[in-house]
Amino acid sequence: MKKRPPVSLKKGDTVTVEVKDPAAFPEGMQATFYTEGWIFGSGVAVKELGHAAPSAADTGAKTVEQVPSEISDQICSA
């Protein structure tokens, strides 16, 4: 099997993740995905091999409820 060249992404690029179980991701959930490449074109699509979702309490991360204006800004600039 030939190894594909690395993919370089920049802020604002779109990546679509085909997840194993969509019900495992409630709205606003953030996760780190481990993936394999699938489709490469004007965007990138990958298939989930696994994921890790740290809790906000464990990491000090912000939840969606804590940053509604930041979320809105990200959606508008996409």
PDB file of N, CA and C in Angstrom:
ATOM      1  N   MET A   1       0.845  -1.176   0.000  1.00  0.00           N
ATOM      2  CA  MET A   1       0.000   0.000   0.000  1.00  0.00           C
ATOM      3  C   MET A   1       0.886   1.234   0.000  1.00  0.00           C
ATOM      4  N   LYS A   2       0.568   2.178  -0.866  1.00  0.00           N
ATOM      5  CA  LYS A   2       1.332   3.411  -0.974  1.00  0.00           C
ATOM      6  C   LYS A   2       0.818   4.440   0.022  1.00  0.00           C
ATOM      7  N   LYS A   3       1.735   5.062   0.728  1.00  0.00           N
ATOM      8  CA  LYS A   3       1.365   6.088   1.718  1.00  0.00           C
ATOM      9  C   LYS A   3       1.040   7.396   1.007  1.00  0.00           C
ATOM     10  N   ARG A   4      -0.077   8.003   1.392  1.00  0.00           N
ATOM     11  CA  ARG A   4      -0.469   9.294   0.827  1.00  0.00           C
ATOM     12  C   ARG A   4       0.394  10.395   1.409  1.00  0.00           C
ATOM     13  N   PRO A   5       0.577  11.487   0.660  1.00  0.00           N
ATOM     14  CA  PRO A   5       1.312  12.621   1.220  1.00  0.00           C
ATOM     15  C   PRO A   5       0.505  13.266   2.345  1.00  0.00           C
ATOM     16  N   PRO A   6       1.165  13.940   3.278  1.00  0.00           N
ATOM     17  CA  PRO A   6       0.431  14.583   4.382  1.00  0.00           C
ATOM     18  C   PRO A   6      -0.498  15.675   3.860  1.00  0.00           C
ATOM     19  N   VAL A   7      -1.563  15.899   4.603  1.00  0.00           N
ATOM     20  CA  VAL A   7      -2.529  16.945   4.271  1.00  0.00           C
ATOM     21  C   VAL A   7      -2.253  18.131   5.170  1.00  0.00           C
ATOM     22  N   SER A   8      -2.216  19.292   4.590  1.00  0.00           N
ATOM     23  CA  SER A   8      -1.989  20.516   5.349  1.00  0.00           C
ATOM     24  C   SER A   8      -3.295  21.300   5.398  1.00  0.00           C
ATOM     25  N   LEU A   9      -3.758  21.595   6.602  1.00  0.00           N
ATOM     26  CA  LEU A   9      -4.991  22.352   6.783  1.00  0.00           C
ATOM     27  C   LEU A   9      -4.675  23.699   7.410  1.00  0.00           C
ATOM     28  N   LYS A  10      -5.472  24.686   7.054  1.00  0.00           N
ATOM     29  CA  LYS A  10      -5.309  26.007   7.663  1.00  0.00           C
ATOM     30  C   LYS A  10      -6.640  26.421   8.292  1.00  0.00           C
ATOM     31  N   LYS A  11      -6.594  27.424   9.126  1.00  0.00           N
ATOM     32  CA  LYS A  11      -7.800  27.906   9.792  1.00  0.00           C
ATOM     33  C   LYS A  11      -8.866  28.214   8.746  1.00  0.00           C
ATOM     34  N   GLY A  12     -10.073  27.715   8.999  1.00  0.00           N
ATOM     35  CA  GLY A  12     -11.178  27.941   8.081  1.00  0.00           C
ATOM     36  C   GLY A  12     -11.412  26.810   7.102  1.00  0.00           C
ATOM     37  N   ASP A  13     -10.452  25.879   6.974  1.00  0.00           N
ATOM     38  CA  ASP A  13     -10.653  24.722   6.103  1.00  0.00           C
ATOM     39  C   ASP A  13     -11.740  23.817   6.683  1.00  0.00           C
ATOM     40  N   THR A  14     -12.430  23.112   5.812  1.00  0.00           N
ATOM     41  CA  THR A  14     -13.512  22.236   6.218  1.00  0.00           C
ATOM     42  C   THR A  14     -13.043  20.791   6.254  1.00  0.00           C
ATOM     43  N   VAL A  15     -13.359  20.115   7.355  1.00  0.00           N
ATOM     44  CA  VAL A  15     -13.100  18.685   7.480  1.00  0.00           C
ATOM     45  C   VAL A  15     -14.406  18.036   7.909  1.00  0.00           C
ATOM     46  N   THR A  16     -14.852  17.060   7.130  1.00  0.00           N
ATOM     47  CA  THR A  16     -16.059  16.311   7.457  1.00  0.00           C
ATOM     48  C   THR A  16     -15.640  14.977   8.056  1.00  0.00           C
ATOM     49  N   VAL A  17     -16.225  14.634   9.198  1.00  0.00           N
ATOM     50  CA  VAL A  17     -15.896  13.384   9.876  1.00  0.00           C
ATOM     51  C   VAL A  17     -17.111  12.465   9.816  1.00  0.00           C
ATOM     52  N   GLU A  18     -16.939  11.289   9.213  1.00  0.00           N
ATOM     53  CA  GLU A  18     -17.994  10.273   9.255  1.00  0.00           C
ATOM     54  C   GLU A  18     -17.781   9.499  10.553  1.00  0.00           C
ATOM     55  N   VAL A  19     -18.678   9.697  11.513  1.00  0.00           N
ATOM     56  CA  VAL A  19     -18.539   9.059  12.824  1.00  0.00           C
ATOM     57  C   VAL A  19     -19.190   7.685  12.832  1.00  0.00           C
ATOM     58  N   LYS A  20     -18.720   6.838  13.732  1.00  0.00           N
ATOM     59  CA  LYS A  20     -19.272   5.485  13.855  1.00  0.00           C
ATOM     60  C   LYS A  20     -20.698   5.513  14.397  1.00  0.00           C
ATOM     61  N   ASP A  21     -20.945   6.377  15.398  1.00  0.00           N
ATOM     62  CA  ASP A  21     -22.254   6.437  16.047  1.00  0.00           C
ATOM     63  C   ASP A  21     -22.657   7.895  16.264  1.00  0.00           C
ATOM     64  N   PRO A  22     -23.420   8.481  15.342  1.00  0.00           N
ATOM     65  CA  PRO A  22     -23.807   9.887  15.479  1.00  0.00           C
ATOM     66  C   PRO A  22     -24.526  10.196  16.785  1.00  0.00           C
ATOM     67  N   ALA A  23     -25.233   9.245  17.365  1.00  0.00           N
ATOM     68  CA  ALA A  23     -25.958   9.477  18.615  1.00  0.00           C
ATOM     69  C   ALA A  23     -25.005   9.709  19.795  1.00  0.00           C
ATOM     70  N   ALA A  24     -23.743   9.369  19.633  1.00  0.00           N
ATOM     71  CA  ALA A  24     -22.761   9.544  20.708  1.00  0.00           C
ATOM     72  C   ALA A  24     -22.299  10.993  20.844  1.00  0.00           C
ATOM     73  N   PHE A  25     -22.763  11.872  19.952  1.00  0.00           N
ATOM     74  CA  PHE A  25     -22.292  13.251  19.943  1.00  0.00           C
ATOM     75  C   PHE A  25     -23.451  14.231  20.078  1.00  0.00           C
ATOM     76  N   PRO A  26     -23.820  14.574  21.319  1.00  0.00           N
ATOM     77  CA  PRO A  26     -24.873  15.576  21.507  1.00  0.00           C
ATOM     78  C   PRO A  26     -24.407  16.938  20.989  1.00  0.00           C
ATOM     79  N   GLU A  27     -25.337  17.794  20.656  1.00  0.00           N
ATOM     80  CA  GLU A  27     -25.010  19.121  20.139  1.00  0.00           C
ATOM     81  C   GLU A  27     -24.068  19.854  21.092  1.00  0.00           C
ATOM     82  N   GLY A  28     -23.031  20.460  20.548  1.00  0.00           N
ATOM     83  CA  GLY A  28     -22.081  21.228  21.334  1.00  0.00           C
ATOM     84  C   GLY A  28     -20.915  20.434  21.881  1.00  0.00           C
ATOM     85  N   MET A  29     -20.934  19.122  21.731  1.00  0.00           N
ATOM     86  CA  MET A  29     -19.848  18.282  22.249  1.00  0.00           C
ATOM     87  C   MET A  29     -18.595  18.489  21.409  1.00  0.00           C
ATOM     88  N   GLN A  30     -17.464  18.549  22.072  1.00  0.00           N
ATOM     89  CA  GLN A  30     -16.181  18.635  21.393  1.00  0.00           C
ATOM     90  C   GLN A  30     -15.433  17.338  21.637  1.00  0.00           C
ATOM     91  N   ALA A  31     -14.666  16.907  20.650  1.00  0.00           N
ATOM     92  CA  ALA A  31     -13.929  15.661  20.781  1.00  0.00           C
ATOM     93  C   ALA A  31     -12.684  15.716  19.909  1.00  0.00           C
ATOM     94  N   THR A  32     -11.710  14.915  20.265  1.00  0.00           N
ATOM     95  CA  THR A  32     -10.538  14.695  19.428  1.00  0.00           C
ATOM     96  C   THR A  32     -10.787  13.401  18.673  1.00  0.00           C
ATOM     97  N   PHE A  33     -10.670  13.462  17.348  1.00  0.00           N
ATOM     98  CA  PHE A  33     -10.941  12.291  16.531  1.00  0.00           C
ATOM     99  C   PHE A  33      -9.648  11.671  16.017  1.00  0.00           C
ATOM    100  N   TYR A  34      -9.636  10.357  16.007  1.00  0.00           N
ATOM    101  CA  TYR A  34      -8.574   9.576  15.378  1.00  0.00           C
ATOM    102  C   TYR A  34      -9.204   9.023  14.116  1.00  0.00           C
ATOM    103  N   THR A  35      -8.624   9.336  12.973  1.00  0.00           N
ATOM    104  CA  THR A  35      -9.306   9.073  11.705  1.00  0.00           C
ATOM    105  C   THR A  35      -8.382   8.456  10.663  1.00  0.00           C
ATOM    106  N   GLU A  36      -9.010   8.009   9.591  1.00  0.00           N
ATOM    107  CA  GLU A  36      -8.269   7.627   8.390  1.00  0.00           C
ATOM    108  C   GLU A  36      -8.809   8.474   7.251  1.00  0.00           C
ATOM    109  N   GLY A  37      -7.935   8.846   6.327  1.00  0.00           N
ATOM    110  CA  GLY A  37      -8.340   9.657   5.194  1.00  0.00           C
ATOM    111  C   GLY A  37      -9.361   8.936   4.343  1.00  0.00           C
ATOM    112  N   TRP A  38     -10.230   9.708   3.703  1.00  0.00           N
ATOM    113  CA  TRP A  38     -11.284   9.117   2.906  1.00  0.00           C
ATOM    114  C   TRP A  38     -11.399   9.848   1.573  1.00  0.00           C
ATOM    115  N   ILE A  39     -11.765  11.142   1.608  1.00  0.00           N
ATOM    116  CA  ILE A  39     -11.951  11.909   0.379  1.00  0.00           C
ATOM    117  C   ILE A  39     -11.115  13.192   0.488  1.00  0.00           C
ATOM    118  N   PHE A  40     -10.377  13.480  -0.562  1.00  0.00           N
ATOM    119  CA  PHE A  40      -9.550  14.683  -0.600  1.00  0.00           C
ATOM    120  C   PHE A  40      -9.916  15.481  -1.843  1.00  0.00           C
ATOM    121  N   GLY A  41     -10.301  16.727  -1.651  1.00  0.00           N
ATOM    122  CA  GLY A  41     -10.689  17.593  -2.761  1.00  0.00           C
ATOM    123  C   GLY A  41     -10.669  19.023  -2.279  1.00  0.00           C
ATOM    124  N   SER A  42     -11.744  19.780  -2.547  1.00  0.00           N
ATOM    125  CA  SER A  42     -11.811  21.165  -2.054  1.00  0.00           C
ATOM    126  C   SER A  42     -11.957  21.183  -0.536  1.00  0.00           C
ATOM    127  N   GLY A  43     -12.406  20.086   0.035  1.00  0.00           N
ATOM    128  CA  GLY A  43     -12.455  19.870   1.481  1.00  0.00           C
ATOM    129  C   GLY A  43     -11.841  18.514   1.759  1.00  0.00           C
ATOM    130  N   VAL A  44     -11.885  18.090   2.983  1.00  0.00           N
ATOM    131  CA  VAL A  44     -11.337  16.790   3.367  1.00  0.00           C
ATOM    132  C   VAL A  44     -12.436  16.043   4.122  1.00  0.00           C
ATOM    133  N   ALA A  45     -12.588  14.760   3.817  1.00  0.00           N
ATOM    134  CA  ALA A  45     -13.509  13.905   4.561  1.00  0.00           C
ATOM    135  C   ALA A  45     -12.706  12.738   5.120  1.00  0.00           C
ATOM    136  N   VAL A  46     -12.976  12.410   6.377  1.00  0.00           N
ATOM    137  CA  VAL A  46     -12.269  11.325   7.048  1.00  0.00           C
ATOM    138  C   VAL A  46     -13.271  10.417   7.743  1.00  0.00           C
ATOM    139  N   LYS A  47     -12.842   9.194   8.033  1.00  0.00           N
ATOM    140  CA  LYS A  47     -13.687   8.240   8.759  1.00  0.00           C
ATOM    141  C   LYS A  47     -13.113   8.037  10.154  1.00  0.00           C
ATOM    142  N   GLU A  48     -13.997   8.056  11.150  1.00  0.00           N
ATOM    143  CA  GLU A  48     -13.583   7.892  12.541  1.00  0.00           C
ATOM    144  C   GLU A  48     -13.066   6.481  12.798  1.00  0.00           C
ATOM    145  N   LEU A  49     -11.896   6.410  13.428  1.00  0.00           N
ATOM    146  CA  LEU A  49     -11.378   5.151  13.961  1.00  0.00           C
ATOM    147  C   LEU A  49     -11.676   5.073  15.448  1.00  0.00           C
ATOM    148  N   GLY A  50     -11.710   6.230  16.097  1.00  0.00           N
ATOM    149  CA  GLY A  50     -11.991   6.346  17.520  1.00  0.00           C
ATOM    150  C   GLY A  50     -12.024   7.817  17.881  1.00  0.00           C
ATOM    151  N   HIS A  51     -12.383   8.110  19.123  1.00  0.00           N
ATOM    152  CA  HIS A  51     -12.396   9.499  19.574  1.00  0.00           C
ATOM    153  C   HIS A  51     -12.192   9.563  21.082  1.00  0.00           C
ATOM    154  N   ALA A  52     -11.792  10.738  21.531  1.00  0.00           N
ATOM    155  CA  ALA A  52     -11.641  11.019  22.959  1.00  0.00           C
ATOM    156  C   ALA A  52     -12.355  12.331  23.220  1.00  0.00           C
ATOM    157  N   ALA A  53     -13.163  12.357  24.261  1.00  0.00           N
ATOM    158  CA  ALA A  53     -13.923  13.556  24.595  1.00  0.00           C
ATOM    159  C   ALA A  53     -13.696  13.907  26.056  1.00  0.00           C
ATOM    160  N   PRO A  54     -12.704  14.756  26.336  1.00  0.00           N
ATOM    161  CA  PRO A  54     -12.466  15.136  27.731  1.00  0.00           C
ATOM    162  C   PRO A  54     -13.626  15.958  28.262  1.00  0.00           C
ATOM    163  N   SER A  55     -13.893  15.814  29.539  1.00  0.00           N
ATOM    164  CA  SER A  55     -14.962  16.609  30.138  1.00  0.00           C
ATOM    165  C   SER A  55     -14.449  18.003  30.442  1.00  0.00           C
ATOM    166  N   ALA A  56     -15.335  18.978  30.441  1.00  0.00           N
ATOM    167  CA  ALA A  56     -14.960  20.360  30.734  1.00  0.00           C
ATOM    168  C   ALA A  56     -14.395  20.480  32.144  1.00  0.00           C
ATOM    169  N   ALA A  57     -14.922  19.703  33.080  1.00  0.00           N
ATOM    170  CA  ALA A  57     -14.453  19.769  34.468  1.00  0.00           C
ATOM    171  C   ALA A  57     -13.018  19.266  34.593  1.00  0.00           C
ATOM    172  N   ASP A  58     -12.659  18.234  33.822  1.00  0.00           N
ATOM    173  CA  ASP A  58     -11.313  17.669  33.887  1.00  0.00           C
ATOM    174  C   ASP A  58     -10.270  18.566  33.261  1.00  0.00           C
ATOM    175  N   THR A  59     -10.631  19.289  32.213  1.00  0.00           N
ATOM    176  CA  THR A  59      -9.640  20.042  31.448  1.00  0.00           C
ATOM    177  C   THR A  59      -9.723  21.546  31.639  1.00  0.00           C
ATOM    178  N   GLY A  60     -10.797  22.022  32.246  1.00  0.00           N
ATOM    179  CA  GLY A  60     -10.999  23.464  32.343  1.00  0.00           C
ATOM    180  C   GLY A  60     -11.496  24.041  31.026  1.00  0.00           C
ATOM    181  N   ALA A  61     -11.862  23.188  30.085  1.00  0.00           N
ATOM    182  CA  ALA A  61     -12.340  23.646  28.785  1.00  0.00           C
ATOM    183  C   ALA A  61     -13.677  24.350  28.936  1.00  0.00           C
ATOM    184  N   LYS A  62     -13.973  25.221  28.001  1.00  0.00           N
ATOM    185  CA  LYS A  62     -15.238  25.939  28.008  1.00  0.00           C
ATOM    186  C   LYS A  62     -16.314  25.070  27.368  1.00  0.00           C
ATOM    187  N   THR A  63     -17.510  25.133  27.909  1.00  0.00           N
ATOM    188  CA  THR A  63     -18.630  24.435  27.299  1.00  0.00           C
ATOM    189  C   THR A  63     -19.340  25.383  26.348  1.00  0.00           C
ATOM    190  N   VAL A  64     -20.218  24.859  25.512  1.00  0.00           N
ATOM    191  CA  VAL A  64     -20.954  25.695  24.570  1.00  0.00           C
ATOM    192  C   VAL A  64     -21.758  26.755  25.309  1.00  0.00           C
ATOM    193  N   GLU A  65     -22.332  26.400  26.447  1.00  0.00           N
ATOM    194  CA  GLU A  65     -23.133  27.365  27.200  1.00  0.00           C
ATOM    195  C   GLU A  65     -22.288  28.531  27.706  1.00  0.00           C
ATOM    196  N   GLN A  66     -20.983  28.312  27.917  1.00  0.00           N
ATOM    197  CA  GLN A  66     -20.125  29.364  28.449  1.00  0.00           C
ATOM    198  C   GLN A  66     -19.655  30.344  27.382  1.00  0.00           C
ATOM    199  N   VAL A  67     -19.699  29.956  26.113  1.00  0.00           N
ATOM    200  CA  VAL A  67     -19.129  30.812  25.074  1.00  0.00           C
ATOM    201  C   VAL A  67     -20.044  30.982  23.858  1.00  0.00           C
ATOM    202  N   PRO A  68     -21.320  31.369  24.063  1.00  0.00           N
ATOM    203  CA  PRO A  68     -22.210  31.477  22.905  1.00  0.00           C
ATOM    204  C   PRO A  68     -21.740  32.489  21.875  1.00  0.00           C
ATOM    205  N   SER A  69     -21.147  33.600  22.290  1.00  0.00           N
ATOM    206  CA  SER A  69     -20.699  34.597  21.315  1.00  0.00           C
ATOM    207  C   SER A  69     -19.517  34.079  20.505  1.00  0.00           C
ATOM    208  N   GLU A  70     -18.617  33.313  21.126  1.00  0.00           N
ATOM    209  CA  GLU A  70     -17.489  32.747  20.391  1.00  0.00           C
ATOM    210  C   GLU A  70     -17.976  31.754  19.344  1.00  0.00           C
ATOM    211  N   ILE A  71     -18.958  30.934  19.708  1.00  0.00           N
ATOM    212  CA  ILE A  71     -19.498  29.958  18.770  1.00  0.00           C
ATOM    213  C   ILE A  71     -20.137  30.690  17.598  1.00  0.00           C
ATOM    214  N   SER A  72     -20.927  31.731  17.889  1.00  0.00           N
ATOM    215  CA  SER A  72     -21.595  32.497  16.853  1.00  0.00           C
ATOM    216  C   SER A  72     -20.573  33.120  15.909  1.00  0.00           C
ATOM    217  N   ASP A  73     -19.487  33.678  16.450  1.00  0.00           N
ATOM    218  CA  ASP A  73     -18.444  34.289  15.628  1.00  0.00           C
ATOM    219  C   ASP A  73     -17.799  33.263  14.703  1.00  0.00           C
ATOM    220  N   GLN A  74     -17.567  32.049  15.191  1.00  0.00           N
ATOM    221  CA  GLN A  74     -16.940  31.006  14.387  1.00  0.00           C
ATOM    222  C   GLN A  74     -17.858  30.611  13.242  1.00  0.00           C
ATOM    223  N   ILE A  75     -19.147  30.510  13.489  1.00  0.00           N
ATOM    224  CA  ILE A  75     -20.098  30.111  12.450  1.00  0.00           C
ATOM    225  C   ILE A  75     -20.167  31.190  11.366  1.00  0.00           C
ATOM    226  N   CYS A  76     -20.180  32.446  11.771  1.00  0.00           N
ATOM    227  CA  CYS A  76     -20.289  33.546  10.815  1.00  0.00           C
ATOM    228  C   CYS A  76     -19.047  33.675   9.942  1.00  0.00           C
ATOM    229  N   SER A  77     -17.875  33.324  10.472  1.00  0.00           N
ATOM    230  CA  SER A  77     -16.650  33.501   9.709  1.00  0.00           C
ATOM    231  C   SER A  77     -16.307  32.292   8.859  1.00  0.00           C
ATOM    232  N   ALA A  78     -17.059  31.212   9.003  1.00  0.00           N
ATOM    233  CA  ALA A  78     -16.748  29.999   8.245  1.00  0.00           C
ATOM    234  C   ALA A  78     -17.112  30.128   6.787  1.00  0.00           C
TER     235      ALA A  78
END
